[in-house]
Amino acid sequence: MSKASTIFEMIGFIKKRKKWLLAPVIIFLILMGVLIVLTEGSALAPFIYTLF
């Protein structure tokens, strides 16, 4: 199972079951994951750690 199919499956679940309050949680998790991947090993890492 690929990562893209997992995302599409989650979107389909939200649409079908009308669980729209899950959308902000999923969006937040995706954004945090992207932030961690993009700042890994960069000079910005110490500044990002101070945010949390």
N, C-alpha and C. Protein backbone atom coordinates (compact mmCIF):
# COMPACT_ATOMS: atom_id res chain seq x y z
N MET A 1 0.86 -1.18 0.00
CA MET A 1 0.00 0.00 0.00
C MET A 1 0.90 1.24 0.00
N SER A 2 0.68 2.10 -0.93
CA SER A 2 1.52 3.30 -1.02
C SER A 2 0.98 4.40 -0.09
N LYS A 3 1.83 5.39 0.13
CA LYS A 3 1.43 6.49 0.99
C LYS A 3 0.31 7.31 0.37
N ALA A 4 0.35 7.46 -0.95
CA ALA A 4 -0.69 8.23 -1.63
C ALA A 4 -2.05 7.56 -1.50
N SER A 5 -2.09 6.24 -1.60
CA SER A 5 -3.37 5.55 -1.49
C SER A 5 -3.92 5.66 -0.07
N THR A 6 -3.04 5.71 0.92
CA THR A 6 -3.48 5.89 2.30
C THR A 6 -4.13 7.25 2.48
N ILE A 7 -3.54 8.27 1.89
CA ILE A 7 -4.10 9.62 1.98
C ILE A 7 -5.45 9.69 1.28
N PHE A 8 -5.54 9.10 0.09
CA PHE A 8 -6.82 9.10 -0.63
C PHE A 8 -7.89 8.30 0.12
N GLU A 9 -7.46 7.24 0.77
CA GLU A 9 -8.41 6.45 1.56
C GLU A 9 -8.95 7.26 2.74
N MET A 10 -8.08 8.04 3.38
CA MET A 10 -8.49 8.88 4.51
C MET A 10 -9.45 9.97 4.04
N ILE A 11 -9.16 10.58 2.90
CA ILE A 11 -10.04 11.61 2.34
C ILE A 11 -11.40 11.01 2.00
N GLY A 12 -11.39 9.83 1.41
CA GLY A 12 -12.65 9.15 1.10
C GLY A 12 -13.46 8.84 2.35
N PHE A 13 -12.78 8.43 3.42
CA PHE A 13 -13.46 8.16 4.69
C PHE A 13 -14.12 9.43 5.23
N ILE A 14 -13.39 10.54 5.18
CA ILE A 14 -13.93 11.81 5.70
C ILE A 14 -15.15 12.23 4.89
N LYS A 15 -15.08 12.09 3.57
CA LYS A 15 -16.22 12.48 2.72
C LYS A 15 -17.43 11.57 2.96
N LYS A 16 -17.18 10.27 3.02
CA LYS A 16 -18.29 9.32 3.12
C LYS A 16 -18.96 9.36 4.49
N ARG A 17 -18.18 9.46 5.55
CA ARG A 17 -18.72 9.41 6.90
C ARG A 17 -19.04 10.78 7.48
N LYS A 18 -18.72 11.84 6.73
CA LYS A 18 -18.99 13.23 7.16
C LYS A 18 -18.28 13.56 8.47
N LYS A 19 -17.06 13.11 8.61
CA LYS A 19 -16.25 13.38 9.80
C LYS A 19 -15.32 14.57 9.54
N TRP A 20 -15.90 15.70 9.24
CA TRP A 20 -15.12 16.87 8.84
C TRP A 20 -14.26 17.43 9.96
N LEU A 21 -14.54 17.10 11.22
CA LEU A 21 -13.70 17.63 12.28
C LEU A 21 -12.35 16.93 12.33
N LEU A 22 -12.18 15.85 11.58
CA LEU A 22 -10.87 15.20 11.48
C LEU A 22 -9.94 15.93 10.52
N ALA A 23 -10.49 16.71 9.61
CA ALA A 23 -9.68 17.37 8.59
C ALA A 23 -8.62 18.31 9.18
N PRO A 24 -8.94 19.18 10.13
CA PRO A 24 -7.89 20.05 10.69
C PRO A 24 -6.77 19.27 11.37
N VAL A 25 -7.11 18.17 12.02
CA VAL A 25 -6.09 17.36 12.69
C VAL A 25 -5.14 16.76 11.65
N ILE A 26 -5.70 16.24 10.58
CA ILE A 26 -4.88 15.63 9.54
C ILE A 26 -4.02 16.68 8.85
N ILE A 27 -4.59 17.83 8.56
CA ILE A 27 -3.83 18.91 7.92
C ILE A 27 -2.69 19.36 8.82
N PHE A 28 -2.95 19.49 10.12
CA PHE A 28 -1.90 19.89 11.06
C PHE A 28 -0.78 18.85 11.09
N LEU A 29 -1.13 17.58 11.13
CA LEU A 29 -0.11 16.53 11.16
C LEU A 29 0.73 16.53 9.89
N ILE A 30 0.10 16.75 8.75
CA ILE A 30 0.84 16.80 7.49
C ILE A 30 1.78 18.00 7.47
N LEU A 31 1.29 19.16 7.91
CA LEU A 31 2.14 20.35 7.94
C LEU A 31 3.32 20.18 8.89
N MET A 32 3.10 19.58 10.04
CA MET A 32 4.20 19.35 10.98
C MET A 32 5.22 18.37 10.40
N GLY A 33 4.75 17.36 9.72
CA GLY A 33 5.66 16.40 9.07
C GLY A 33 6.50 17.06 8.00
N VAL A 34 5.88 17.91 7.20
CA VAL A 34 6.62 18.64 6.16
C VAL A 34 7.64 19.57 6.79
N LEU A 35 7.26 20.25 7.86
CA LEU A 35 8.17 21.15 8.55
C LEU A 35 9.38 20.40 9.09
N ILE A 36 9.16 19.24 9.67
CA ILE A 36 10.27 18.45 10.22
C ILE A 36 11.20 17.97 9.10
N VAL A 37 10.63 17.52 8.01
CA VAL A 37 11.45 17.01 6.90
C VAL A 37 12.26 18.13 6.27
N LEU A 38 11.65 19.29 6.06
CA LEU A 38 12.35 20.39 5.39
C LEU A 38 13.43 21.02 6.26
N THR A 39 13.27 21.01 7.55
CA THR A 39 14.24 21.69 8.42
C THR A 39 15.26 20.73 9.03
N GLU A 40 15.20 19.49 8.65
CA GLU A 40 16.13 18.51 9.21
C GLU A 40 17.56 18.84 8.77
N GLY A 41 18.40 19.08 9.73
CA GLY A 41 19.80 19.34 9.44
C GLY A 41 20.09 20.74 8.93
N SER A 42 19.15 21.63 9.00
CA SER A 42 19.41 22.98 8.51
C SER A 42 19.81 23.91 9.65
N ALA A 43 20.18 25.11 9.30
CA ALA A 43 20.56 26.10 10.30
C ALA A 43 19.35 26.63 11.05
N LEU A 44 18.15 26.38 10.55
CA LEU A 44 16.93 26.86 11.19
C LEU A 44 16.47 25.95 12.34
N ALA A 45 17.03 24.77 12.45
CA ALA A 45 16.57 23.80 13.44
C ALA A 45 16.56 24.35 14.86
N PRO A 46 17.61 25.03 15.34
CA PRO A 46 17.55 25.54 16.73
C PRO A 46 16.42 26.55 16.95
N PHE A 47 16.08 27.30 15.94
CA PHE A 47 15.01 28.30 16.09
C PHE A 47 13.64 27.65 16.10
N ILE A 48 13.48 26.58 15.36
CA ILE A 48 12.20 25.87 15.32
C ILE A 48 11.98 25.15 16.65
N TYR A 49 13.04 24.61 17.25
CA TYR A 49 12.90 23.93 18.53
C TYR A 49 12.43 24.88 19.61
N THR A 50 12.77 26.16 19.52
CA THR A 50 12.32 27.09 20.54
C THR A 50 10.83 27.38 20.44
N LEU A 51 10.22 27.11 19.31
CA LEU A 51 8.77 27.31 19.16
C LEU A 51 7.99 26.29 19.97
N PHE A 52 8.56 25.13 20.19
CA PHE A 52 7.84 24.06 20.87
C PHE A 52 8.39 23.89 22.25
